[in-house]
C-alpha cells in the first residue's frame, strides 16, 4: 500500500503559511484472508514555512511493524507502532487505522 499527499496552504501564503509533503508505505505478508503483517514507513516533511525565522524540515520519519485484521465484508483494523527515526528522535509512535475496502 502506498499513500502520498501534498498539503498546500491556500491562505496566508506570505506571512504565516505551512506546506507539507506526507507519504507512507506498507509492505507485508498475508497469512490468511483475515490477518496480515509487515513493515510501515511514514514521512511528514514541512516543505514551506513562511513564519518569521521559520525553516523547512522533517516533522517525523516513522518506521515500525504493523498487523492488520480484516473481516469477511472488507472492514479492517491496522495497528502500527515503532520509532521516530528522524534526527531529533521525538520518541515512539502508535497508529490505528480502521476502514473498509470496496
N, C-alpha and C. Protein backbone atom coordinates (compact mmCIF):
# COMPACT_ATOMS: atom_id res chain seq x y z
N UNK A 1 0.85 -1.17 0.00
CA UNK A 1 0.00 0.00 0.00
C UNK A 1 0.89 1.23 0.00
N UNK A 2 0.53 2.22 -0.79
CA UNK A 2 1.27 3.48 -0.87
C UNK A 2 0.28 4.63 -0.77
N UNK A 3 0.63 5.66 -0.03
CA UNK A 3 -0.15 6.89 0.05
C UNK A 3 0.82 8.05 -0.08
N UNK A 4 0.42 9.08 -0.79
CA UNK A 4 1.19 10.32 -0.79
C UNK A 4 0.23 11.49 -0.98
N UNK A 5 0.55 12.58 -0.35
CA UNK A 5 -0.26 13.78 -0.46
C UNK A 5 0.57 15.02 -0.21
N UNK A 6 0.14 16.12 -0.82
CA UNK A 6 0.81 17.40 -0.61
C UNK A 6 -0.24 18.35 -0.06
N UNK A 7 0.02 18.92 1.09
CA UNK A 7 -0.91 19.83 1.75
C UNK A 7 -0.41 21.24 1.53
N UNK A 8 -1.21 22.03 0.86
CA UNK A 8 -0.84 23.38 0.43
C UNK A 8 -1.71 24.40 1.14
N UNK A 9 -1.08 25.36 1.82
CA UNK A 9 -1.82 26.45 2.46
C UNK A 9 -2.31 27.40 1.37
N UNK A 10 -3.61 27.58 1.27
CA UNK A 10 -4.16 28.46 0.24
C UNK A 10 -4.27 29.91 0.70
N UNK A 11 -4.38 30.12 2.01
CA UNK A 11 -4.42 31.48 2.55
C UNK A 11 -3.12 31.77 3.28
N UNK A 12 -2.85 33.03 3.53
CA UNK A 12 -1.66 33.46 4.27
C UNK A 12 -0.37 32.91 3.65
N UNK A 13 -0.27 32.97 2.35
CA UNK A 13 0.89 32.42 1.65
C UNK A 13 2.18 33.18 1.98
N UNK A 14 2.07 34.46 2.34
CA UNK A 14 3.28 35.26 2.52
C UNK A 14 3.77 35.36 3.96
N UNK A 15 2.87 35.30 4.94
CA UNK A 15 3.31 35.62 6.29
C UNK A 15 3.12 34.51 7.32
N UNK A 16 2.28 33.54 7.09
CA UNK A 16 2.05 32.54 8.14
C UNK A 16 1.52 31.23 7.56
N UNK A 17 2.11 30.75 6.51
CA UNK A 17 1.63 29.52 5.89
C UNK A 17 2.63 28.39 5.96
N UNK A 18 2.10 27.19 6.01
CA UNK A 18 2.91 25.98 6.02
C UNK A 18 2.42 25.04 4.93
N UNK A 19 3.33 24.41 4.21
CA UNK A 19 3.01 23.36 3.25
C UNK A 19 3.71 22.09 3.70
N UNK A 20 3.06 20.95 3.43
CA UNK A 20 3.61 19.67 3.88
C UNK A 20 3.56 18.63 2.78
N UNK A 21 4.55 17.77 2.74
CA UNK A 21 4.57 16.57 1.93
C UNK A 21 4.44 15.39 2.89
N UNK A 22 3.46 14.51 2.65
CA UNK A 22 3.19 13.39 3.55
C UNK A 22 3.06 12.13 2.72
N UNK A 23 3.78 11.09 3.09
CA UNK A 23 3.66 9.82 2.38
C UNK A 23 3.96 8.67 3.33
N UNK A 24 3.39 7.50 2.99
CA UNK A 24 3.70 6.29 3.73
C UNK A 24 3.58 5.09 2.83
N UNK A 25 4.21 3.99 3.28
CA UNK A 25 4.16 2.72 2.56
C UNK A 25 4.03 1.60 3.57
N UNK A 26 3.22 0.61 3.22
CA UNK A 26 3.10 -0.62 3.99
C UNK A 26 3.45 -1.78 3.07
N UNK A 27 4.32 -2.64 3.52
CA UNK A 27 4.67 -3.85 2.76
C UNK A 27 4.63 -5.01 3.73
N UNK A 28 3.89 -6.06 3.36
CA UNK A 28 3.76 -7.16 4.29
C UNK A 28 3.37 -8.46 3.63
N UNK A 29 2.97 -9.38 4.45
CA UNK A 29 2.60 -10.72 4.02
C UNK A 29 1.21 -11.04 4.57
N UNK A 30 0.36 -11.61 3.72
CA UNK A 30 -0.98 -12.02 4.13
C UNK A 30 -0.91 -13.48 4.58
N UNK A 31 -1.10 -13.70 5.87
CA UNK A 31 -1.03 -15.05 6.43
C UNK A 31 -2.32 -15.83 6.19
N UNK A 32 -3.42 -15.11 6.09
CA UNK A 32 -4.73 -15.71 5.81
C UNK A 32 -5.59 -14.59 5.22
N UNK A 33 -6.81 -14.88 4.79
CA UNK A 33 -7.67 -13.80 4.30
C UNK A 33 -7.99 -12.75 5.36
N UNK A 34 -7.68 -13.04 6.62
CA UNK A 34 -8.08 -12.16 7.72
C UNK A 34 -6.93 -11.52 8.48
N UNK A 35 -5.70 -11.98 8.27
CA UNK A 35 -4.56 -11.46 9.04
C UNK A 35 -3.38 -11.21 8.11
N UNK A 36 -2.78 -10.02 8.25
CA UNK A 36 -1.53 -9.72 7.54
C UNK A 36 -0.63 -8.93 8.49
N UNK A 37 0.65 -8.92 8.18
CA UNK A 37 1.62 -8.20 9.00
C UNK A 37 2.79 -7.80 8.11
N UNK A 38 3.50 -6.77 8.55
CA UNK A 38 4.64 -6.32 7.76
C UNK A 38 5.26 -5.07 8.34
N UNK A 39 5.86 -4.27 7.45
CA UNK A 39 6.59 -3.07 7.86
C UNK A 39 5.86 -1.81 7.38
N UNK A 40 5.99 -0.75 8.17
CA UNK A 40 5.37 0.54 7.88
C UNK A 40 6.46 1.62 7.88
N UNK A 41 6.46 2.48 6.85
CA UNK A 41 7.36 3.63 6.75
C UNK A 41 6.49 4.86 6.51
N UNK A 42 6.70 5.93 7.26
CA UNK A 42 5.90 7.15 7.09
C UNK A 42 6.80 8.37 7.27
N UNK A 43 6.55 9.39 6.44
CA UNK A 43 7.38 10.60 6.47
C UNK A 43 6.48 11.82 6.31
N UNK A 44 6.63 12.79 7.19
CA UNK A 44 5.95 14.09 7.09
C UNK A 44 7.02 15.16 7.06
N UNK A 45 7.04 15.95 5.99
CA UNK A 45 8.06 16.99 5.80
C UNK A 45 7.39 18.34 5.58
N UNK A 46 7.84 19.34 6.31
CA UNK A 46 7.40 20.71 6.13
C UNK A 46 8.20 21.26 4.95
N UNK A 47 7.53 21.54 3.84
CA UNK A 47 8.23 21.98 2.63
C UNK A 47 8.23 23.49 2.44
N UNK A 48 7.39 24.22 3.19
CA UNK A 48 7.39 25.68 3.12
C UNK A 48 6.93 26.22 4.46
N UNK A 49 7.71 27.13 5.01
CA UNK A 49 7.39 27.76 6.29
C UNK A 49 7.63 29.25 6.13
N UNK A 50 6.55 30.02 6.04
CA UNK A 50 6.71 31.46 5.81
C UNK A 50 6.63 32.27 7.11
N UNK A 51 6.61 31.60 8.27
CA UNK A 51 6.67 32.34 9.53
C UNK A 51 8.05 32.99 9.67
N UNK A 52 8.10 34.11 10.35
CA UNK A 52 9.37 34.81 10.54
C UNK A 52 10.35 33.89 11.27
N UNK A 53 11.49 33.68 10.67
CA UNK A 53 12.51 32.81 11.26
C UNK A 53 12.24 31.33 11.05
N UNK A 54 11.17 30.99 10.36
CA UNK A 54 10.83 29.59 10.14
C UNK A 54 11.69 28.95 9.06
N UNK A 55 11.76 27.63 9.09
CA UNK A 55 12.52 26.91 8.07
C UNK A 55 11.80 25.61 7.74
N UNK A 56 12.19 25.02 6.64
CA UNK A 56 11.63 23.72 6.26
C UNK A 56 12.42 22.64 6.98
N UNK A 57 11.75 21.52 7.26
CA UNK A 57 12.43 20.43 7.95
C UNK A 57 11.52 19.20 7.99
N UNK A 58 12.09 18.08 8.40
CA UNK A 58 11.30 16.89 8.65
C UNK A 58 10.54 17.08 9.95
N UNK A 59 9.25 16.75 9.94
CA UNK A 59 8.47 16.75 11.17
C UNK A 59 8.67 15.42 11.87
N UNK A 60 8.51 14.32 11.11
CA UNK A 60 8.82 12.99 11.64
C UNK A 60 9.11 12.03 10.49
N UNK A 61 9.84 10.97 10.81
CA UNK A 61 10.06 9.82 9.95
C UNK A 61 9.86 8.60 10.83
N UNK A 62 8.80 7.86 10.55
CA UNK A 62 8.45 6.73 11.39
C UNK A 62 8.78 5.42 10.68
N UNK A 63 9.19 4.42 11.45
CA UNK A 63 9.40 3.09 10.93
C UNK A 63 9.04 2.08 12.00
N UNK A 64 8.29 1.06 11.61
CA UNK A 64 7.93 0.02 12.56
C UNK A 64 7.04 -1.04 11.92
N UNK A 65 6.67 -2.05 12.69
CA UNK A 65 5.83 -3.13 12.17
C UNK A 65 4.34 -2.78 12.24
N UNK A 66 3.54 -3.50 11.46
CA UNK A 66 2.09 -3.38 11.56
C UNK A 66 1.48 -4.77 11.56
N UNK A 67 0.29 -4.86 12.09
CA UNK A 67 -0.54 -6.06 11.99
C UNK A 67 -1.94 -5.60 11.62
N UNK A 68 -2.56 -6.31 10.68
CA UNK A 68 -3.89 -5.93 10.19
C UNK A 68 -4.84 -7.11 10.29
N UNK A 69 -6.05 -6.83 10.77
CA UNK A 69 -7.11 -7.82 10.87
C UNK A 69 -8.25 -7.37 9.97
N UNK A 70 -8.75 -8.28 9.13
CA UNK A 70 -9.80 -7.96 8.17
C UNK A 70 -10.99 -8.88 8.39
N UNK A 71 -12.20 -8.31 8.38
CA UNK A 71 -13.42 -9.10 8.48
C UNK A 71 -13.88 -9.53 7.08
N UNK A 72 -14.71 -10.54 6.97
CA UNK A 72 -15.12 -11.04 5.66
C UNK A 72 -15.75 -9.99 4.74
N UNK A 73 -16.42 -8.98 5.25
CA UNK A 73 -17.07 -7.97 4.40
C UNK A 73 -16.15 -6.81 4.03
N UNK A 74 -14.85 -6.89 4.35
CA UNK A 74 -13.90 -5.87 3.94
C UNK A 74 -13.54 -4.84 5.00
N UNK A 75 -14.16 -4.88 6.17
CA UNK A 75 -13.78 -3.97 7.25
C UNK A 75 -12.42 -4.41 7.80
N UNK A 76 -11.58 -3.44 8.14
CA UNK A 76 -10.27 -3.81 8.66
C UNK A 76 -9.83 -2.86 9.76
N UNK A 77 -8.89 -3.33 10.57
CA UNK A 77 -8.22 -2.53 11.58
C UNK A 77 -6.73 -2.85 11.49
N UNK A 78 -5.91 -1.81 11.37
CA UNK A 78 -4.46 -1.98 11.28
C UNK A 78 -3.81 -1.21 12.43
N UNK A 79 -3.01 -1.91 13.21
CA UNK A 79 -2.28 -1.28 14.31
C UNK A 79 -0.80 -1.23 13.93
N UNK A 80 -0.21 -0.05 14.06
CA UNK A 80 1.19 0.18 13.72
C UNK A 80 1.87 0.85 14.90
N UNK A 81 3.08 0.45 15.19
CA UNK A 81 3.87 1.07 16.26
C UNK A 81 5.33 1.03 15.87
N UNK A 82 6.11 1.93 16.44
CA UNK A 82 7.53 1.93 16.13
C UNK A 82 8.23 3.15 16.69
N UNK A 83 9.31 3.53 16.01
CA UNK A 83 10.14 4.63 16.49
C UNK A 83 10.20 5.74 15.47
N UNK A 84 10.37 6.96 15.97
CA UNK A 84 10.65 8.11 15.12
C UNK A 84 12.15 8.09 14.85
N UNK A 85 12.53 7.87 13.60
CA UNK A 85 13.96 7.75 13.27
C UNK A 85 14.53 9.05 12.72
N UNK A 86 13.77 10.14 12.83
CA UNK A 86 14.24 11.46 12.42
C UNK A 86 15.38 11.88 13.34
N UNK A 87 16.22 12.78 12.91
CA UNK A 87 17.42 13.15 13.67
C UNK A 87 17.11 13.60 15.09
N UNK A 88 16.01 14.32 15.30
CA UNK A 88 15.66 14.77 16.66
C UNK A 88 15.10 13.65 17.51
N UNK A 89 14.66 12.55 16.88
CA UNK A 89 14.13 11.36 17.56
C UNK A 89 13.17 11.72 18.68
N UNK A 90 11.96 12.11 18.29
CA UNK A 90 10.94 12.55 19.24
C UNK A 90 10.33 11.41 20.04
N UNK A 91 10.71 10.17 19.78
CA UNK A 91 10.19 9.05 20.56
C UNK A 91 9.43 8.05 19.71
N UNK A 92 8.56 7.33 20.37
CA UNK A 92 7.79 6.26 19.73
C UNK A 92 6.51 6.80 19.11
N UNK A 93 5.89 5.97 18.26
CA UNK A 93 4.59 6.32 17.70
C UNK A 93 3.68 5.11 17.76
N UNK A 94 2.39 5.37 17.80
CA UNK A 94 1.34 4.35 17.77
C UNK A 94 0.26 4.87 16.85
N UNK A 95 -0.23 4.00 15.97
CA UNK A 95 -1.21 4.45 14.98
C UNK A 95 -2.24 3.34 14.78
N UNK A 96 -3.51 3.71 14.74
CA UNK A 96 -4.60 2.77 14.48
C UNK A 96 -5.39 3.28 13.28
N UNK A 97 -5.48 2.47 12.23
CA UNK A 97 -6.30 2.79 11.06
C UNK A 97 -7.45 1.81 11.02
N UNK A 98 -8.64 2.32 10.77
CA UNK A 98 -9.79 1.46 10.54
C UNK A 98 -10.43 1.89 9.22
N UNK A 99 -10.98 0.95 8.49
CA UNK A 99 -11.57 1.29 7.20
C UNK A 99 -12.33 0.14 6.61
N UNK A 100 -12.69 0.34 5.35
CA UNK A 100 -13.44 -0.68 4.62
C UNK A 100 -12.97 -0.65 3.18
N UNK A 101 -12.70 -1.80 2.61
CA UNK A 101 -12.34 -1.90 1.21
C UNK A 101 -13.60 -2.22 0.42
N UNK A 102 -13.67 -1.70 -0.81
CA UNK A 102 -14.85 -1.91 -1.64
C UNK A 102 -14.56 -2.93 -2.70
